[in-house]
N, C-alpha and C. Protein backbone atom coordinates (compact mmCIF):
# COMPACT_ATOMS: atom_id res chain seq x y z
N MET A 1 5.18 8.04 2.21
CA MET A 1 4.41 7.66 3.39
C MET A 1 3.96 8.92 4.13
N GLU A 2 2.83 8.82 4.76
CA GLU A 2 2.32 9.98 5.50
C GLU A 2 2.40 9.76 6.99
N LYS A 3 2.41 10.88 7.72
CA LYS A 3 2.48 10.77 9.17
C LYS A 3 1.12 10.39 9.73
N GLN A 4 1.16 9.55 10.76
CA GLN A 4 -0.05 9.06 11.41
C GLN A 4 0.19 9.03 12.91
N TRP A 5 -0.89 8.86 13.67
CA TRP A 5 -0.80 8.82 15.13
C TRP A 5 -0.86 7.38 15.61
N PHE A 6 0.01 7.06 16.57
CA PHE A 6 0.06 5.73 17.15
C PHE A 6 0.01 5.83 18.67
N VAL A 7 -0.51 4.78 19.31
CA VAL A 7 -0.54 4.73 20.78
C VAL A 7 0.63 3.86 21.22
N VAL A 8 1.42 4.42 22.15
CA VAL A 8 2.59 3.72 22.66
C VAL A 8 2.38 3.45 24.14
N ASN A 9 2.63 2.20 24.55
CA ASN A 9 2.48 1.80 25.95
C ASN A 9 3.79 2.08 26.67
N THR A 10 3.65 2.68 27.87
CA THR A 10 4.84 2.98 28.68
C THR A 10 4.63 2.43 30.09
N TYR A 11 5.70 2.46 30.87
CA TYR A 11 5.52 2.14 32.28
C TYR A 11 4.63 3.22 32.87
N SER A 12 3.67 2.83 33.69
CA SER A 12 2.76 3.79 34.30
C SER A 12 3.54 4.76 35.19
N GLY A 13 3.26 6.05 35.04
CA GLY A 13 3.96 7.06 35.80
C GLY A 13 5.22 7.57 35.12
N HIS A 14 5.60 6.95 34.00
CA HIS A 14 6.82 7.35 33.29
C HIS A 14 6.51 8.04 31.96
N GLU A 15 5.26 8.44 31.75
CA GLU A 15 4.84 9.00 30.47
C GLU A 15 5.66 10.23 30.07
N ASN A 16 5.82 11.17 31.00
CA ASN A 16 6.56 12.40 30.69
C ASN A 16 8.04 12.14 30.45
N LYS A 17 8.62 11.19 31.20
CA LYS A 17 10.03 10.83 31.00
C LYS A 17 10.21 10.21 29.62
N VAL A 18 9.29 9.32 29.24
CA VAL A 18 9.37 8.67 27.93
C VAL A 18 9.22 9.71 26.82
N LYS A 19 8.30 10.65 26.99
CA LYS A 19 8.10 11.72 26.00
C LYS A 19 9.41 12.49 25.81
N GLU A 20 10.03 12.87 26.92
CA GLU A 20 11.28 13.62 26.88
C GLU A 20 12.38 12.81 26.19
N LYS A 21 12.54 11.55 26.58
CA LYS A 21 13.58 10.69 26.00
C LYS A 21 13.36 10.47 24.51
N LEU A 22 12.11 10.25 24.14
CA LEU A 22 11.79 9.99 22.73
C LEU A 22 12.06 11.23 21.88
N GLU A 23 11.71 12.41 22.38
CA GLU A 23 11.99 13.64 21.64
C GLU A 23 13.49 13.87 21.51
N MET A 24 14.25 13.58 22.58
CA MET A 24 15.71 13.74 22.54
C MET A 24 16.34 12.74 21.55
N ARG A 25 15.86 11.52 21.58
CA ARG A 25 16.40 10.49 20.66
C ARG A 25 16.11 10.83 19.21
N ALA A 26 14.89 11.30 18.93
CA ALA A 26 14.52 11.67 17.56
C ALA A 26 15.43 12.79 17.05
N GLU A 27 15.72 13.75 17.93
CA GLU A 27 16.58 14.86 17.54
C GLU A 27 18.03 14.42 17.36
N SER A 28 18.54 13.65 18.31
CA SER A 28 19.95 13.24 18.24
C SER A 28 20.22 12.27 17.08
N MET A 29 19.21 11.53 16.67
CA MET A 29 19.40 10.58 15.57
C MET A 29 18.93 11.15 14.23
N GLY A 30 18.56 12.43 14.22
CA GLY A 30 18.14 13.07 12.97
C GLY A 30 16.83 12.52 12.41
N MET A 31 15.91 12.15 13.29
CA MET A 31 14.64 11.55 12.85
C MET A 31 13.45 12.51 12.98
N GLN A 32 13.70 13.84 13.05
CA GLN A 32 12.60 14.79 13.20
C GLN A 32 11.65 14.76 12.00
N ASP A 33 12.11 14.29 10.85
CA ASP A 33 11.25 14.19 9.68
C ASP A 33 10.38 12.94 9.71
N TYR A 34 10.57 12.10 10.73
CA TYR A 34 9.79 10.87 10.86
C TYR A 34 9.01 10.82 12.16
N ILE A 35 9.58 11.38 13.23
CA ILE A 35 8.89 11.42 14.52
C ILE A 35 8.59 12.88 14.80
N TYR A 36 7.31 13.27 14.68
CA TYR A 36 6.93 14.68 14.74
C TYR A 36 6.56 15.15 16.14
N ARG A 37 5.52 14.57 16.70
CA ARG A 37 5.02 15.03 18.00
C ARG A 37 4.80 13.86 18.93
N VAL A 38 5.08 14.10 20.21
CA VAL A 38 4.82 13.12 21.25
C VAL A 38 3.92 13.83 22.26
N VAL A 39 2.76 13.24 22.54
CA VAL A 39 1.78 13.88 23.42
C VAL A 39 1.39 12.94 24.55
N VAL A 40 1.41 13.48 25.77
CA VAL A 40 0.87 12.76 26.93
C VAL A 40 -0.55 13.29 27.10
N PRO A 41 -1.59 12.49 26.79
CA PRO A 41 -2.97 12.99 26.88
C PRO A 41 -3.34 13.37 28.32
N MET A 42 -3.67 14.66 28.51
CA MET A 42 -4.04 15.19 29.82
C MET A 42 -5.39 15.89 29.71
N GLN A 43 -6.09 15.96 30.83
CA GLN A 43 -7.34 16.72 30.88
C GLN A 43 -7.39 17.48 32.19
N LYS A 44 -8.04 18.65 32.13
CA LYS A 44 -8.17 19.46 33.34
C LYS A 44 -9.34 18.94 34.16
N GLU A 45 -9.12 18.88 35.46
CA GLU A 45 -10.15 18.38 36.37
C GLU A 45 -10.21 19.32 37.56
N ILE A 46 -11.41 19.63 38.01
CA ILE A 46 -11.55 20.48 39.18
C ILE A 46 -11.74 19.60 40.40
N GLU A 47 -10.85 19.80 41.37
CA GLU A 47 -10.87 19.01 42.59
C GLU A 47 -11.27 19.92 43.75
N ILE A 48 -12.24 19.50 44.54
CA ILE A 48 -12.68 20.30 45.69
C ILE A 48 -12.21 19.60 46.95
N LYS A 49 -11.38 20.33 47.71
CA LYS A 49 -10.84 19.79 48.95
C LYS A 49 -11.01 20.84 50.04
N ASN A 50 -11.67 20.49 51.13
CA ASN A 50 -11.93 21.41 52.24
C ASN A 50 -12.61 22.70 51.77
N GLY A 51 -13.53 22.57 50.82
CA GLY A 51 -14.27 23.73 50.32
C GLY A 51 -13.50 24.59 49.34
N VAL A 52 -12.27 24.23 49.02
CA VAL A 52 -11.46 25.00 48.07
C VAL A 52 -11.34 24.20 46.78
N SER A 53 -11.68 24.85 45.66
CA SER A 53 -11.58 24.13 44.38
C SER A 53 -10.24 24.46 43.71
N LYS A 54 -9.62 23.42 43.22
CA LYS A 54 -8.34 23.54 42.52
C LYS A 54 -8.48 22.91 41.15
N GLU A 55 -7.86 23.54 40.16
CA GLU A 55 -7.83 22.94 38.84
C GLU A 55 -6.55 22.11 38.74
N LYS A 56 -6.71 20.86 38.34
CA LYS A 56 -5.60 19.92 38.33
C LYS A 56 -5.57 19.22 36.98
N GLU A 57 -4.38 18.97 36.45
CA GLU A 57 -4.26 18.20 35.21
C GLU A 57 -4.09 16.74 35.55
N LYS A 58 -4.88 15.90 34.89
CA LYS A 58 -4.84 14.47 35.15
C LYS A 58 -4.62 13.73 33.83
N LYS A 59 -3.84 12.67 33.88
CA LYS A 59 -3.60 11.87 32.67
C LYS A 59 -4.89 11.17 32.25
N MET A 60 -5.22 11.29 30.96
CA MET A 60 -6.42 10.64 30.44
C MET A 60 -6.24 9.13 30.36
N PHE A 61 -5.04 8.72 29.94
CA PHE A 61 -4.75 7.30 29.77
C PHE A 61 -3.41 6.98 30.43
N PRO A 62 -3.41 6.73 31.74
CA PRO A 62 -2.14 6.43 32.41
C PRO A 62 -1.44 5.24 31.75
N GLY A 63 -0.16 5.39 31.49
CA GLY A 63 0.61 4.32 30.87
C GLY A 63 0.63 4.38 29.35
N TYR A 64 0.07 5.44 28.76
CA TYR A 64 0.03 5.54 27.30
C TYR A 64 0.39 6.95 26.85
N ILE A 65 1.07 7.04 25.70
CA ILE A 65 1.34 8.32 25.06
C ILE A 65 0.95 8.19 23.59
N LEU A 66 0.74 9.33 22.94
CA LEU A 66 0.45 9.36 21.50
C LEU A 66 1.67 9.87 20.77
N VAL A 67 2.01 9.23 19.66
CA VAL A 67 3.16 9.64 18.86
C VAL A 67 2.70 9.83 17.43
N GLU A 68 2.99 11.03 16.89
CA GLU A 68 2.70 11.30 15.48
C GLU A 68 4.00 11.04 14.72
N MET A 69 3.94 10.08 13.80
CA MET A 69 5.17 9.66 13.11
C MET A 69 4.87 9.03 11.76
N VAL A 70 5.91 8.94 10.94
CA VAL A 70 5.86 8.18 9.70
C VAL A 70 6.42 6.81 10.06
N MET A 71 5.65 5.77 9.82
CA MET A 71 6.03 4.43 10.26
C MET A 71 7.04 3.81 9.29
N THR A 72 8.31 4.13 9.52
CA THR A 72 9.40 3.49 8.79
C THR A 72 10.06 2.49 9.75
N ASP A 73 10.89 1.63 9.22
CA ASP A 73 11.57 0.65 10.07
C ASP A 73 12.44 1.35 11.12
N GLU A 74 13.15 2.43 10.69
CA GLU A 74 14.03 3.14 11.62
C GLU A 74 13.24 3.83 12.73
N ALA A 75 12.16 4.54 12.35
CA ALA A 75 11.35 5.26 13.34
C ALA A 75 10.70 4.27 14.31
N TRP A 76 10.21 3.17 13.78
CA TRP A 76 9.58 2.14 14.60
C TRP A 76 10.59 1.60 15.61
N TYR A 77 11.82 1.36 15.14
CA TYR A 77 12.88 0.84 16.01
C TYR A 77 13.20 1.83 17.13
N ILE A 78 13.34 3.11 16.78
CA ILE A 78 13.68 4.13 17.78
C ILE A 78 12.61 4.22 18.86
N VAL A 79 11.34 4.24 18.48
CA VAL A 79 10.26 4.34 19.47
C VAL A 79 10.22 3.09 20.35
N ARG A 80 10.25 1.92 19.72
CA ARG A 80 10.17 0.67 20.49
C ARG A 80 11.29 0.52 21.49
N ASN A 81 12.49 1.01 21.14
CA ASN A 81 13.67 0.81 21.98
C ASN A 81 14.00 2.02 22.85
N THR A 82 13.06 2.92 23.01
CA THR A 82 13.24 4.03 23.94
C THR A 82 13.01 3.50 25.35
N PRO A 83 13.91 3.82 26.30
CA PRO A 83 13.72 3.33 27.67
C PRO A 83 12.36 3.76 28.23
N GLY A 84 11.65 2.82 28.83
CA GLY A 84 10.33 3.08 29.40
C GLY A 84 9.18 2.67 28.49
N VAL A 85 9.46 2.42 27.20
CA VAL A 85 8.43 1.99 26.25
C VAL A 85 8.30 0.48 26.33
N THR A 86 7.05 0.00 26.46
CA THR A 86 6.83 -1.45 26.50
C THR A 86 6.27 -1.98 25.19
N GLY A 87 5.86 -1.09 24.29
CA GLY A 87 5.37 -1.54 22.99
C GLY A 87 4.33 -0.60 22.41
N PHE A 88 3.85 -0.96 21.24
CA PHE A 88 2.80 -0.21 20.56
C PHE A 88 1.46 -0.91 20.78
N ILE A 89 0.40 -0.13 20.82
CA ILE A 89 -0.95 -0.71 20.87
C ILE A 89 -1.38 -0.94 19.42
N GLY A 90 -1.98 -2.07 19.15
CA GLY A 90 -2.43 -2.38 17.79
C GLY A 90 -1.43 -3.20 17.01
N SER A 91 -0.43 -3.74 17.69
CA SER A 91 0.54 -4.61 17.03
C SER A 91 0.35 -6.02 17.58
N SER A 92 0.35 -6.98 16.69
CA SER A 92 0.15 -8.36 17.13
C SER A 92 1.43 -8.97 17.67
N GLY A 93 2.50 -8.19 17.62
CA GLY A 93 3.79 -8.74 18.04
C GLY A 93 4.43 -9.46 16.88
N LYS A 94 5.41 -10.27 17.12
CA LYS A 94 6.09 -11.07 16.09
C LYS A 94 6.59 -10.19 14.94
N GLY A 95 7.00 -8.94 15.24
CA GLY A 95 7.55 -8.06 14.20
C GLY A 95 6.51 -7.34 13.36
N ALA A 96 5.22 -7.46 13.72
CA ALA A 96 4.17 -6.79 12.95
C ALA A 96 4.07 -5.33 13.38
N LYS A 97 3.98 -4.44 12.40
CA LYS A 97 3.86 -3.01 12.70
C LYS A 97 2.45 -2.72 13.20
N PRO A 98 2.31 -1.71 14.07
CA PRO A 98 1.00 -1.40 14.66
C PRO A 98 0.05 -0.70 13.71
N THR A 99 -1.22 -0.72 14.09
CA THR A 99 -2.27 -0.04 13.34
C THR A 99 -2.37 1.40 13.86
N PRO A 100 -2.41 2.39 12.95
CA PRO A 100 -2.52 3.77 13.41
C PRO A 100 -3.93 4.08 13.91
N LEU A 101 -4.04 5.16 14.69
CA LEU A 101 -5.36 5.64 15.13
C LEU A 101 -6.08 6.26 13.95
N GLN A 102 -7.40 6.21 13.98
CA GLN A 102 -8.21 6.87 12.96
C GLN A 102 -8.22 8.38 13.26
N PRO A 103 -8.34 9.24 12.25
CA PRO A 103 -8.35 10.68 12.50
C PRO A 103 -9.39 11.13 13.52
N TYR A 104 -10.60 10.54 13.50
CA TYR A 104 -11.63 10.96 14.45
C TYR A 104 -11.25 10.60 15.89
N GLU A 105 -10.49 9.51 16.07
CA GLU A 105 -10.04 9.13 17.41
C GLU A 105 -9.01 10.14 17.93
N VAL A 106 -8.09 10.52 17.05
CA VAL A 106 -7.07 11.49 17.42
C VAL A 106 -7.72 12.83 17.73
N ASP A 107 -8.67 13.24 16.88
CA ASP A 107 -9.35 14.52 17.07
C ASP A 107 -10.06 14.58 18.42
N LYS A 108 -10.66 13.47 18.82
CA LYS A 108 -11.39 13.45 20.09
C LYS A 108 -10.44 13.64 21.27
N VAL A 109 -9.34 12.93 21.26
CA VAL A 109 -8.37 13.02 22.37
C VAL A 109 -7.70 14.40 22.37
N LEU A 110 -7.19 14.83 21.22
CA LEU A 110 -6.50 16.11 21.16
C LEU A 110 -7.46 17.27 21.37
N GLY A 111 -8.69 17.13 20.90
CA GLY A 111 -9.71 18.17 21.09
C GLY A 111 -9.99 18.40 22.56
N ASN A 112 -10.02 17.33 23.36
CA ASN A 112 -10.22 17.46 24.81
C ASN A 112 -9.08 18.21 25.47
N MET A 113 -7.92 18.22 24.83
CA MET A 113 -6.76 18.91 25.37
C MET A 113 -6.62 20.31 24.78
N GLY A 114 -7.48 20.66 23.81
CA GLY A 114 -7.39 21.97 23.17
C GLY A 114 -6.29 22.04 22.13
N ILE A 115 -5.92 20.88 21.57
CA ILE A 115 -4.89 20.81 20.55
C ILE A 115 -5.53 20.33 19.26
N SER A 116 -4.99 20.74 18.13
CA SER A 116 -5.49 20.27 16.84
C SER A 116 -4.52 19.24 16.28
N ARG A 117 -5.05 18.33 15.48
CA ARG A 117 -4.23 17.33 14.82
C ARG A 117 -3.34 18.00 13.76
N MET A 118 -3.84 19.11 13.19
CA MET A 118 -3.09 19.82 12.16
C MET A 118 -2.10 20.78 12.81
N GLU A 119 -0.98 20.96 12.15
CA GLU A 119 -0.01 21.96 12.58
C GLU A 119 -0.41 23.25 11.88
N ILE A 120 -0.95 24.17 12.64
CA ILE A 120 -1.56 25.36 12.08
C ILE A 120 -0.60 26.16 11.21
N ASP A 121 0.63 26.36 11.68
CA ASP A 121 1.56 27.16 10.91
C ASP A 121 1.95 26.50 9.59
N LYS A 122 1.95 25.18 9.51
CA LYS A 122 2.33 24.49 8.27
C LYS A 122 1.11 24.12 7.41
N ASP A 123 0.07 23.56 8.03
CA ASP A 123 -1.03 22.99 7.29
C ASP A 123 -2.16 23.97 6.94
N LEU A 124 -2.27 25.07 7.68
CA LEU A 124 -3.44 25.92 7.50
C LEU A 124 -3.12 27.36 7.13
N ALA A 125 -2.50 27.57 6.02
CA ALA A 125 -2.26 28.93 5.54
C ALA A 125 -3.53 29.41 4.83
N VAL A 126 -3.67 30.73 4.68
CA VAL A 126 -4.81 31.28 3.93
C VAL A 126 -4.76 30.73 2.52
N ASP A 127 -5.92 30.39 1.96
CA ASP A 127 -6.11 29.81 0.62
C ASP A 127 -5.80 28.32 0.54
N THR A 128 -5.48 27.66 1.68
CA THR A 128 -5.27 26.22 1.68
C THR A 128 -6.62 25.53 1.47
N LYS A 129 -6.64 24.50 0.63
CA LYS A 129 -7.88 23.75 0.40
C LYS A 129 -8.01 22.68 1.47
N VAL A 130 -9.19 22.61 2.11
CA VAL A 130 -9.43 21.64 3.17
C VAL A 130 -10.72 20.87 2.91
N SER A 131 -10.81 19.72 3.55
CA SER A 131 -12.01 18.89 3.49
C SER A 131 -12.67 18.95 4.86
N ILE A 132 -13.99 19.13 4.88
CA ILE A 132 -14.73 19.17 6.14
C ILE A 132 -15.15 17.74 6.46
N ILE A 133 -14.70 17.25 7.63
CA ILE A 133 -14.91 15.83 7.96
C ILE A 133 -15.95 15.62 9.05
N ASP A 134 -16.51 16.71 9.60
CA ASP A 134 -17.50 16.57 10.67
C ASP A 134 -18.37 17.81 10.71
N GLY A 135 -19.55 17.67 11.29
CA GLY A 135 -20.44 18.81 11.45
C GLY A 135 -21.44 18.92 10.30
N PRO A 136 -22.19 20.02 10.24
CA PRO A 136 -23.25 20.17 9.24
C PRO A 136 -22.74 20.27 7.80
N PHE A 137 -21.47 20.63 7.62
CA PHE A 137 -20.91 20.77 6.26
C PHE A 137 -20.04 19.58 5.87
N LYS A 138 -20.19 18.47 6.58
CA LYS A 138 -19.39 17.26 6.36
C LYS A 138 -19.45 16.85 4.89
N GLY A 139 -18.28 16.49 4.33
CA GLY A 139 -18.22 16.04 2.95
C GLY A 139 -17.95 17.16 1.96
N MET A 140 -17.95 18.40 2.41
CA MET A 140 -17.72 19.53 1.52
C MET A 140 -16.24 19.93 1.57
N PHE A 141 -15.82 20.67 0.56
CA PHE A 141 -14.47 21.21 0.50
C PHE A 141 -14.54 22.71 0.64
N GLY A 142 -13.50 23.29 1.20
CA GLY A 142 -13.47 24.73 1.36
C GLY A 142 -12.06 25.26 1.25
N ARG A 143 -11.99 26.59 1.21
CA ARG A 143 -10.71 27.30 1.13
C ARG A 143 -10.59 28.15 2.39
N VAL A 144 -9.44 28.10 3.06
CA VAL A 144 -9.24 28.82 4.31
C VAL A 144 -9.21 30.33 4.05
N ILE A 145 -10.06 31.06 4.80
CA ILE A 145 -10.06 32.52 4.74
C ILE A 145 -9.26 33.07 5.92
N SER A 146 -9.52 32.52 7.12
CA SER A 146 -8.77 32.96 8.30
C SER A 146 -8.77 31.85 9.35
N VAL A 147 -7.79 31.91 10.25
CA VAL A 147 -7.64 30.92 11.32
C VAL A 147 -7.68 31.65 12.66
N ASP A 148 -8.56 31.22 13.56
CA ASP A 148 -8.67 31.78 14.90
C ASP A 148 -8.16 30.72 15.88
N VAL A 149 -6.84 30.75 16.13
CA VAL A 149 -6.21 29.73 16.98
C VAL A 149 -6.74 29.79 18.41
N ALA A 150 -6.96 31.01 18.91
CA ALA A 150 -7.41 31.18 20.30
C ALA A 150 -8.74 30.47 20.55
N ASN A 151 -9.65 30.51 19.58
CA ASN A 151 -10.96 29.88 19.74
C ASN A 151 -11.07 28.54 19.02
N ASN A 152 -9.95 28.06 18.45
CA ASN A 152 -9.93 26.75 17.78
C ASN A 152 -10.89 26.70 16.59
N LYS A 153 -11.01 27.79 15.84
CA LYS A 153 -11.94 27.88 14.71
C LYS A 153 -11.24 28.33 13.45
N VAL A 154 -11.87 27.97 12.32
CA VAL A 154 -11.37 28.36 11.00
C VAL A 154 -12.54 28.91 10.20
N GLU A 155 -12.30 30.00 9.49
CA GLU A 155 -13.32 30.53 8.59
C GLU A 155 -12.99 30.03 7.20
N LEU A 156 -13.97 29.40 6.56
CA LEU A 156 -13.77 28.82 5.24
C LEU A 156 -14.72 29.43 4.22
N SER A 157 -14.30 29.38 2.97
CA SER A 157 -15.18 29.75 1.87
C SER A 157 -15.58 28.44 1.20
N VAL A 158 -16.88 28.12 1.21
CA VAL A 158 -17.37 26.88 0.60
C VAL A 158 -18.37 27.21 -0.49
N ASP A 159 -18.53 26.28 -1.42
CA ASP A 159 -19.50 26.44 -2.50
C ASP A 159 -20.83 25.87 -2.00
N LEU A 160 -21.76 26.74 -1.67
CA LEU A 160 -23.06 26.34 -1.15
C LEU A 160 -24.13 26.71 -2.16
N PHE A 161 -24.72 25.72 -2.81
CA PHE A 161 -25.74 25.92 -3.84
C PHE A 161 -25.24 26.83 -4.96
N GLY A 162 -23.99 26.63 -5.37
CA GLY A 162 -23.44 27.39 -6.49
C GLY A 162 -22.96 28.78 -6.12
N GLN A 163 -22.92 29.10 -4.84
CA GLN A 163 -22.50 30.43 -4.41
C GLN A 163 -21.43 30.30 -3.33
N GLU A 164 -20.37 31.11 -3.45
CA GLU A 164 -19.31 31.12 -2.43
C GLU A 164 -19.88 31.67 -1.14
N THR A 165 -19.81 30.88 -0.06
CA THR A 165 -20.34 31.28 1.23
C THR A 165 -19.28 31.11 2.30
N SER A 166 -19.24 32.02 3.25
CA SER A 166 -18.29 31.96 4.35
C SER A 166 -18.92 31.19 5.51
N VAL A 167 -18.22 30.15 6.01
CA VAL A 167 -18.70 29.37 7.14
C VAL A 167 -17.58 29.25 8.18
N GLU A 168 -17.98 29.07 9.44
CA GLU A 168 -17.00 28.91 10.51
C GLU A 168 -17.11 27.49 11.06
N VAL A 169 -15.98 26.79 11.13
CA VAL A 169 -15.96 25.42 11.66
C VAL A 169 -14.82 25.29 12.67
N LEU A 170 -14.89 24.26 13.49
CA LEU A 170 -13.83 23.99 14.46
C LEU A 170 -12.64 23.35 13.76
N LEU A 171 -11.45 23.54 14.32
CA LEU A 171 -10.24 22.97 13.74
C LEU A 171 -10.32 21.45 13.61
N ASN A 172 -10.96 20.78 14.60
CA ASN A 172 -11.00 19.32 14.54
C ASN A 172 -12.06 18.81 13.57
N GLN A 173 -12.77 19.70 12.88
CA GLN A 173 -13.77 19.29 11.90
C GLN A 173 -13.23 19.32 10.46
N ILE A 174 -11.95 19.65 10.29
CA ILE A 174 -11.39 19.73 8.95
C ILE A 174 -10.08 18.96 8.86
N GLU A 175 -9.69 18.65 7.63
CA GLU A 175 -8.37 18.12 7.37
C GLU A 175 -7.91 18.65 6.02
N LYS A 176 -6.60 18.68 5.85
CA LYS A 176 -6.04 19.21 4.62
C LYS A 176 -6.44 18.31 3.45
N ALA A 177 -6.91 18.92 2.37
CA ALA A 177 -7.40 18.14 1.22
C ALA A 177 -6.24 17.72 0.34
């Protein structure tokens, strides 16, 4: 089974507490190989008050968190029974497992936060083969030449008209092949 992203409903205002509890439970129960990342979707917003502008982080989806996990019975049980969790989005109830988010949906949310769906240190080593899923080179395959984490870009070598060509794409435009 592969890891996928799911939306988990929480009590509004308890997103960070649920994230903390879920990460602690995954670690204490030895489920780090099934529950990978827990993200509270946030976005930066500039607020102007009395002529002074402040940058403030605001929750994109109050009452919801994103969980990257392998959907096994044990992992599903741990997430559902974490204090503050009210359920998964995309589950019909009656014991039915939820539907995962599509990669483009995850990329959009994480991209707004400046995060990539891929774990750069694990998934994107030099010479890793990747598939381009968005942009002008969509549908092509490439080999990683370099990764620019600061600018959220990857330099790839792609076969363009029978010739190896170097192209630069954003991290959210590729996935591991």
